[in-house]
Protein backbone atom coordinates (compact mmCIF):
# COMPACT_ATOMS: atom_id res chain seq x y z
CA MET A 1 36.90 95.16 61.10
CA ASN A 2 39.75 93.60 63.03
CA LEU A 3 41.88 90.77 61.69
CA GLU A 4 40.18 88.22 63.93
CA HIS A 5 36.98 88.57 61.86
CA PHE A 6 38.78 87.38 58.73
CA LEU A 7 40.68 84.62 60.52
CA LYS A 8 37.64 82.98 62.10
CA SER A 9 35.33 82.81 59.10
CA GLU A 10 35.79 79.42 57.42
CA ALA A 11 33.94 79.98 54.15
CA PRO A 12 34.35 83.40 52.52
CA GLY A 13 31.51 84.93 50.52
CA TRP A 14 33.15 83.92 47.25
CA MET A 15 32.64 80.23 48.14
CA ASP A 16 28.85 80.50 48.00
CA VAL A 17 27.49 77.30 46.44
CA LYS A 18 24.77 79.20 44.53
CA GLY A 19 27.15 80.51 41.87
CA LEU A 20 26.70 79.59 38.19
CA ASP A 21 27.99 76.07 37.44
CA ALA A 22 29.17 75.89 41.07
CA ASP A 23 29.22 72.10 40.97
CA ILE A 24 32.37 72.39 38.86
CA VAL A 25 33.54 76.02 39.01
CA LEU A 26 34.22 76.81 42.65
CA SER A 27 35.16 80.44 42.07
CA THR A 28 36.17 83.16 39.63
CA ARG A 29 39.08 85.50 40.28
CA ILE A 30 40.05 88.73 38.56
CA ARG A 31 43.42 90.32 39.37
CA LEU A 32 44.66 93.65 38.04
CA ALA A 33 48.35 94.51 38.39
CA ARG A 34 49.13 98.23 38.69
CA ASN A 35 52.20 100.33 39.50
CA LEU A 36 52.68 104.00 40.34
CA ASP A 37 54.58 106.28 38.00
CA GLY A 38 57.87 107.63 39.37
CA TYR A 39 58.50 104.75 41.79
CA ARG A 40 60.74 101.74 41.34
CA PHE A 41 59.18 98.28 41.29
CA PRO A 42 59.06 96.33 44.59
CA LEU A 43 62.06 94.25 43.52
CA SER A 44 64.33 97.27 43.89
CA PHE A 45 62.54 100.07 45.75
CA THR A 46 63.51 101.42 49.17
CA GLU A 47 61.62 101.10 52.44
CA SER A 48 60.78 104.81 52.15
CA GLU A 49 59.26 104.35 48.69
CA ALA A 50 57.31 101.31 49.86
CA HIS A 51 55.88 103.29 52.77
CA GLN A 52 54.90 106.19 50.48
CA ILE A 53 53.04 103.83 48.15
CA ASP A 54 51.22 102.24 51.08
CA GLU A 55 50.15 105.66 52.38
CA MET A 56 49.07 106.84 48.92
CA LEU A 57 46.72 103.90 48.52
CA LYS A 58 45.24 104.40 51.98
CA GLU A 59 44.51 108.04 51.14
CA ALA A 60 43.03 107.10 47.76
CA LEU A 61 40.67 104.54 49.33
CA GLN A 62 39.54 107.10 51.87
CA SER A 63 38.86 109.62 49.08
CA ILE A 64 36.76 107.46 46.76
CA LYS A 65 33.12 106.60 47.25
CA ASP A 66 32.76 102.84 47.15
CA GLU A 67 30.12 100.50 48.54
CA HIS A 68 32.82 98.18 49.87
CA LYS A 69 34.29 98.84 53.31
CA PHE A 70 37.96 97.95 53.55
CA SER A 71 40.13 96.97 56.51
CA HIS A 72 43.88 97.58 56.29
CA PHE A 73 46.49 95.18 57.68
CA THR A 74 50.29 95.41 57.65
CA ILE A 75 51.94 92.12 56.75
CA LYS A 76 55.01 92.41 58.99
CA GLU A 77 52.77 92.93 62.03
CA MET A 78 51.06 89.57 61.47
CA PRO A 79 52.41 86.33 62.94
CA ALA A 80 53.26 83.70 60.31
CA MET A 81 50.21 81.62 61.23
CA GLN A 82 47.81 84.47 60.54
CA ARG A 83 49.45 85.19 57.19
CA GLN A 84 49.05 81.53 56.27
CA VAL A 85 45.32 81.61 57.04
CA LEU A 86 44.84 84.59 54.72
CA VAL A 87 46.75 82.71 51.99
CA GLU A 88 44.53 79.67 52.50
CA LYS A 89 41.45 81.86 52.09
CA HIS A 90 42.96 83.32 48.89
CA LEU A 91 42.87 86.82 50.38
CA ILE A 92 46.63 87.30 49.94
CA SER A 93 49.23 85.53 47.80
CA PRO A 94 51.99 83.26 49.15
CA LEU A 95 54.48 85.87 47.92
CA LEU A 96 52.86 88.72 49.85
CA ALA A 97 52.85 86.55 52.99
CA LYS A 98 56.66 86.48 52.84
CA LYS A 99 57.05 90.25 52.42
CA GLU A 100 58.29 92.57 55.16
CA LYS A 101 59.03 95.89 53.42
CA SER A 102 55.87 98.00 54.00
CA ALA A 103 53.68 95.31 52.42
CA SER A 104 50.02 95.35 53.36
CA VAL A 105 46.54 94.29 52.30
CA HIS A 106 43.14 95.98 52.21
CA ILE A 107 40.28 93.45 52.56
CA SER A 108 36.59 94.16 51.99
CA SER A 109 34.22 93.15 54.78
CA ASP A 110 32.63 90.39 52.66
CA GLU A 111 36.11 89.10 51.62
CA THR A 112 35.31 89.39 47.91
CA ILE A 113 37.92 92.11 47.25
CA SER A 114 41.48 92.43 48.45
CA ILE A 115 44.12 94.94 47.38
CA MET A 116 47.65 93.68 47.90
CA VAL A 117 50.23 96.44 48.31
CA ASN A 118 53.93 96.05 47.43
CA GLU A 119 53.83 92.42 46.41
CA GLU A 120 55.39 91.88 42.95
CA ASP A 121 53.73 95.13 41.82
CA HIS A 122 52.75 98.21 43.81
CA LEU A 123 49.06 97.27 43.67
CA ARG A 124 47.25 94.07 42.89
CA ILE A 125 43.49 94.48 42.90
CA GLN A 126 41.82 91.11 43.34
CA CYS A 127 38.13 90.34 43.12
CA LEU A 128 36.60 86.91 43.88
CA ALA A 129 33.13 85.55 43.16
CA PRO A 130 31.41 82.15 43.42
CA GLY A 131 30.89 80.03 40.31
CA LEU A 132 31.58 81.14 36.74
CA GLN A 133 31.20 84.93 36.69
CA LEU A 134 34.07 86.32 34.64
CA ALA A 135 32.37 89.38 33.14
CA GLU A 136 30.57 90.30 36.35
CA THR A 137 33.66 89.92 38.50
CA TYR A 138 35.75 91.95 36.09
CA GLN A 139 33.22 94.78 36.20
CA ILE A 140 33.55 95.00 39.99
CA ALA A 141 37.36 95.04 39.84
CA SER A 142 37.41 97.50 36.93
CA LYS A 143 35.02 99.88 38.68
CA LEU A 144 37.30 100.04 41.72
CA ASP A 145 40.38 100.32 39.49
CA ASN A 146 38.91 103.30 37.62
CA LYS A 147 38.14 105.07 40.90
CA LEU A 148 41.67 104.53 42.18
CA GLU A 149 43.19 105.71 38.90
CA GLN A 150 41.56 109.10 39.44
CA HIS A 151 43.64 109.53 42.61
CA LEU A 152 46.83 107.60 41.81
CA PRO A 153 49.47 108.18 39.05
CA TYR A 154 49.38 104.80 37.33
CA ALA A 155 52.43 103.82 35.26
CA PHE A 156 50.98 103.58 31.75
CA ASN A 157 52.56 103.61 28.29
CA GLU A 158 50.57 104.32 25.13
CA SER A 159 52.33 101.52 23.24
CA PHE A 160 52.60 98.86 25.96
CA GLY A 161 49.69 99.61 28.29
CA TYR A 162 50.06 99.21 32.06
CA LEU A 163 53.69 98.69 33.08
CA THR A 164 54.38 95.84 35.46
CA SER A 165 57.30 94.26 37.27
CA CYS A 166 57.00 91.01 35.30
CA PRO A 167 56.85 91.32 31.48
CA THR A 168 54.12 88.65 31.30
CA ASN A 169 51.69 91.07 32.97
CA VAL A 170 52.43 94.11 30.78
CA GLY A 171 49.47 95.39 28.76
CA THR A 172 46.11 94.98 30.45
CA GLY A 173 47.69 93.74 33.69
CA LEU A 174 44.70 91.39 33.81
CA ARG A 175 44.94 87.87 35.14
CA ALA A 176 41.57 86.12 35.04
CA SER A 177 41.18 82.64 36.50
CA VAL A 178 38.59 80.04 37.38
CA MET A 179 39.04 77.47 40.13
CA MET A 180 37.57 74.19 38.94
CA HIS A 181 36.86 70.84 40.59
CA LEU A 182 37.66 68.21 37.93
CA PRO A 183 37.62 64.78 39.60
CA ALA A 184 36.05 62.85 36.70
CA LEU A 185 38.58 64.14 34.15
CA THR A 186 41.33 63.26 36.62
CA MET A 187 39.96 59.76 37.37
CA SER A 188 39.54 58.98 33.67
CA LYS A 189 43.09 60.26 33.01
CA GLN A 190 41.88 62.91 30.56
CA ILE A 191 43.27 65.84 32.56
CA LYS A 192 46.69 65.63 30.87
CA VAL A 193 45.07 66.06 27.44
CA VAL A 194 43.07 69.03 28.78
CA THR A 195 46.24 70.63 30.19
CA GLN A 196 48.08 70.25 26.88
CA MET A 197 45.12 71.74 25.00
CA LEU A 198 45.02 74.73 27.35
CA ALA A 199 48.74 75.41 26.85
CA ARG A 200 48.19 75.58 23.09
CA LEU A 201 45.40 78.10 23.67
CA GLY A 202 47.61 80.36 25.77
CA MET A 203 46.16 79.28 29.10
CA VAL A 204 48.01 78.02 32.16
CA VAL A 205 46.93 75.39 34.72
CA ARG A 206 48.09 75.72 38.32
CA GLY A 207 47.36 74.23 41.71
CA ILE A 208 44.91 75.50 44.29
CA TYR A 209 47.16 78.39 45.47
CA GLY A 210 48.52 79.44 42.10
CA GLU A 211 52.03 79.19 40.71
CA GLY A 212 54.13 76.45 42.26
CA SER A 213 51.29 75.07 44.40
CA GLU A 214 49.98 71.51 44.47
CA ASN A 215 46.84 70.15 42.88
CA LEU A 216 44.96 69.17 46.04
CA GLY A 217 41.60 67.48 45.87
CA ASN A 218 41.40 67.57 42.04
CA ILE A 219 41.12 71.38 42.13
CA TYR A 220 42.80 73.32 39.34
CA GLN A 221 43.22 77.03 38.64
CA ILE A 222 42.97 77.87 34.95
CA SER A 223 43.98 81.36 33.85
CA ASN A 224 45.09 83.44 30.87
CA GLN A 225 48.81 83.64 30.18
CA VAL A 226 48.81 86.55 27.71
CA THR A 227 48.06 90.12 28.82
CA LEU A 228 49.68 92.07 25.98
CA GLY A 229 48.11 92.36 22.53
CA LYS A 230 44.61 91.40 23.69
CA SER A 231 41.86 93.56 25.13
CA GLU A 232 40.29 92.78 28.47
CA GLU A 233 37.13 91.65 26.67
CA GLU A 234 39.07 89.23 24.47
CA ILE A 235 40.90 87.74 27.46
CA LEU A 236 37.64 87.21 29.34
CA ASN A 237 35.82 85.77 26.33
CA ASP A 238 38.63 83.32 25.58
CA LEU A 239 38.70 82.06 29.17
CA GLN A 240 34.88 81.86 29.26
CA GLU A 241 34.86 79.64 26.16
CA VAL A 242 37.58 77.41 27.60
CA ALA A 243 35.79 77.11 30.95
CA LEU A 244 32.49 76.17 29.29
CA GLN A 245 34.22 73.48 27.22
CA ILE A 246 35.92 72.02 30.30
CA ILE A 247 32.60 72.04 32.17
CA LYS A 248 31.05 70.11 29.28
CA ASN A 249 33.92 67.61 29.27
CA GLU A 250 33.81 67.13 33.05
CA ARG A 251 30.06 66.53 33.00
CA GLY A 252 30.50 64.03 30.16
CA ALA A 253 33.24 62.22 32.09
CA ARG A 254 31.01 62.08 35.19
CA GLU A 255 28.14 60.56 33.21
CA ALA A 256 30.46 57.96 31.68
CA LEU A 257 31.89 56.97 35.06
CA LEU A 258 28.41 56.63 36.57
CA LYS A 259 27.21 54.56 33.65
CA ASN A 260 30.19 52.19 33.61
CA SER A 261 31.35 52.07 37.24
CA ARG A 262 28.48 53.15 39.50
CA ILE A 263 29.01 50.55 42.25
CA ILE A 264 32.74 51.26 42.35
CA LEU A 265 32.01 54.98 42.63
CA GLU A 266 29.42 54.47 45.37
CA ASP A 267 31.94 52.44 47.33
CA ARG A 268 34.63 55.09 46.80
CA PHE A 269 32.37 57.96 47.86
CA ASN A 270 31.07 56.22 50.98
CA ARG A 271 34.50 55.01 52.05
CA SER A 272 35.72 58.59 51.78
CA LEU A 273 32.80 59.88 53.81
CA GLY A 274 33.43 57.24 56.47
CA THR A 275 37.11 58.20 56.62
CA LEU A 276 36.24 61.88 57.08
CA LYS A 277 33.71 61.09 59.81
CA TYR A 278 35.72 58.59 61.84
CA ALA A 279 39.46 58.83 61.11
CA ARG A 280 41.76 59.89 63.95
CA ILE A 281 44.74 60.92 61.79
CA MET A 282 44.40 62.76 58.48
CA THR A 283 46.99 64.45 56.28
CA SER A 284 45.90 67.45 54.23
CA GLU A 285 46.40 65.41 51.03
CA GLU A 286 44.18 62.56 52.24
CA ALA A 287 41.56 64.97 53.55
CA ALA A 288 41.47 66.85 50.23
CA ALA A 289 41.15 63.60 48.28
CA CYS A 290 38.30 62.37 50.50
CA LEU A 291 36.50 65.72 50.30
CA SER A 292 36.84 65.65 46.51
CA ASN A 293 35.22 62.21 46.40
CA VAL A 294 32.39 63.22 48.71
CA ARG A 295 31.81 66.44 46.78
CA LEU A 296 31.56 64.50 43.52
CA GLY A 297 29.22 62.06 45.25
CA ALA A 298 27.03 64.98 46.35
CA ASP A 299 27.10 66.57 42.88
CA VAL A 300 25.88 63.37 41.19
CA GLY A 301 23.23 62.64 43.83
CA ILE A 302 24.82 59.64 45.55
CA ILE A 303 25.81 61.41 48.80
CA ASN A 304 22.86 63.31 50.27
CA GLU A 305 23.71 64.04 53.86
CA VAL A 306 26.48 66.64 53.49
CA PRO A 307 25.54 70.03 51.97
CA LEU A 308 28.01 71.61 49.55
CA ASN A 309 28.46 74.64 51.82
CA VAL A 310 29.71 72.31 54.58
CA LEU A 311 32.15 70.71 52.13
CA ASN A 312 33.39 74.17 51.13
CA GLU A 313 34.00 75.02 54.77
CA CYS A 314 35.90 71.76 55.20
CA MET A 315 38.15 72.53 52.22
CA ILE A 316 39.32 75.65 54.04
CA LEU A 317 39.28 74.00 57.46
CA ILE A 318 41.79 71.27 56.55
CA GLN A 319 44.58 73.66 55.55
CA PRO A 320 47.64 73.79 57.88
CA GLY A 321 47.20 77.44 58.88
CA PHE A 322 43.53 77.04 59.72
CA VAL A 323 44.18 73.87 61.73
CA GLN A 324 46.73 75.72 63.87
CA GLN A 325 44.50 78.79 64.13
CA TYR A 326 41.78 76.60 65.64
CA ALA A 327 44.27 74.86 67.91
CA GLY A 328 45.56 78.25 69.06
CA THR A 329 49.19 77.20 68.79
CA THR A 330 51.88 76.05 66.39
CA LEU A 331 51.68 72.31 65.76
CA GLN A 332 54.08 69.73 64.39
CA ALA A 333 52.96 67.92 61.22
CA SER A 334 51.83 64.80 63.14
CA GLU A 335 49.90 66.95 65.61
CA ARG A 336 48.23 68.83 62.75
CA ASP A 337 47.13 65.52 61.22
CA MET A 338 45.41 64.50 64.46
CA TYR A 339 43.80 67.90 65.02
CA ARG A 340 42.65 68.06 61.37
CA ALA A 341 40.86 64.73 61.79
CA LYS A 342 39.24 66.01 64.99
CA LEU A 343 37.96 69.17 63.26
CA LEU A 344 36.49 67.16 60.40
CA ARG A 345 34.77 64.72 62.76
CA GLU A 346 33.25 67.60 64.68
CA LYS A 347 32.11 69.45 61.56
CA LEU A 348 30.51 66.43 59.89
CA ASN A 349 28.92 65.01 63.04
CA LEU A 350 27.51 68.46 63.89
CA ASN A 351 25.94 68.49 60.45
CA ASN A 352 24.42 65.04 61.12
CA GLN A 353 23.02 66.31 64.41
CA LYS A 354 21.39 69.28 62.68
CA LEU A 355 19.79 66.97 60.11
CA MET A 356 18.38 64.76 62.85
CA GLU A 357 17.02 67.76 64.75
CA LYS A 358 15.20 68.85 61.57
CA GLY A 359 13.77 65.34 61.27
CA GLU A 360 15.43 64.75 57.92
CA GLU A 361 16.42 61.29 56.75
CA ARG A 362 19.98 60.43 57.74
CA TYR A 363 22.35 58.73 55.33
CA ASP A 364 24.59 56.44 57.35
CA VAL A 365 27.73 54.52 56.38
């Protein structure tokens, strides 16, 4: 498939709203860091070495039998806007988007798997799935990893495990994470306590695009911090237990807010929906906050007119790269804010039109 296919699709397959506990866990991600024996890490290798690694992976993918069909794209051949869209869809990392030295990505047709080449490590195999599916997602990534290992000389040490550029990834090379929507814990100011508890358990909390990114729309990425000294099963089980506890706490916080402040919440949700439907200028921060409110309203049964899949599409749609991709040109920040508002109005009013055509009851503000 050509790059245009991946740039146009607003909601990747991993954002399916039918995933387990999808009202709180938006997605699960498994990432395996691997390097090839006999080659320097990307921090210090040459252009020639980088090219060899890229070619070796292409040959390996052509040799293995896998149900996933991959498309290969070279990073330096992409304009900055296209790279940004792939970052916003979580198909590549912000770091890979900045790379020029024979960096590339292989993306599966359903966008659930991407293999980043010559990022911080030679290979980063990433698998995404909707909802809470840690064990299942790991099995998919591990299956592909095992096939590649039969054709590639992985750098592995009997004492330390898989060798990686950053010491924090040595061992299993496994980084498991869940992307969670936690508006009630945030509103009730319990999120700080949760973050402190996670740090004590060896977990790390990041923003929507990983390390150094902002917490937009009450969305948090929670992942393991330790990869050495624990088996893959232990890492997955620990994160599963943490995720289930946070889900329980978020649901409890939602019930408490509804019980004690229902009218205030209804007003907040409907004001946010009205802003999304009628505003003419919208920053990404305001759009994310409004979408978070409407999503919570939909999850608790107060907002009925906007399906969760439409809200998922909007979460991708409001990002700067996507806004400019739709506009077909580079935009200044103020221009992006106006175009973002236009896209949201069109998306939500089109949804209203579809509901009316089906003869369904319309919820108006």
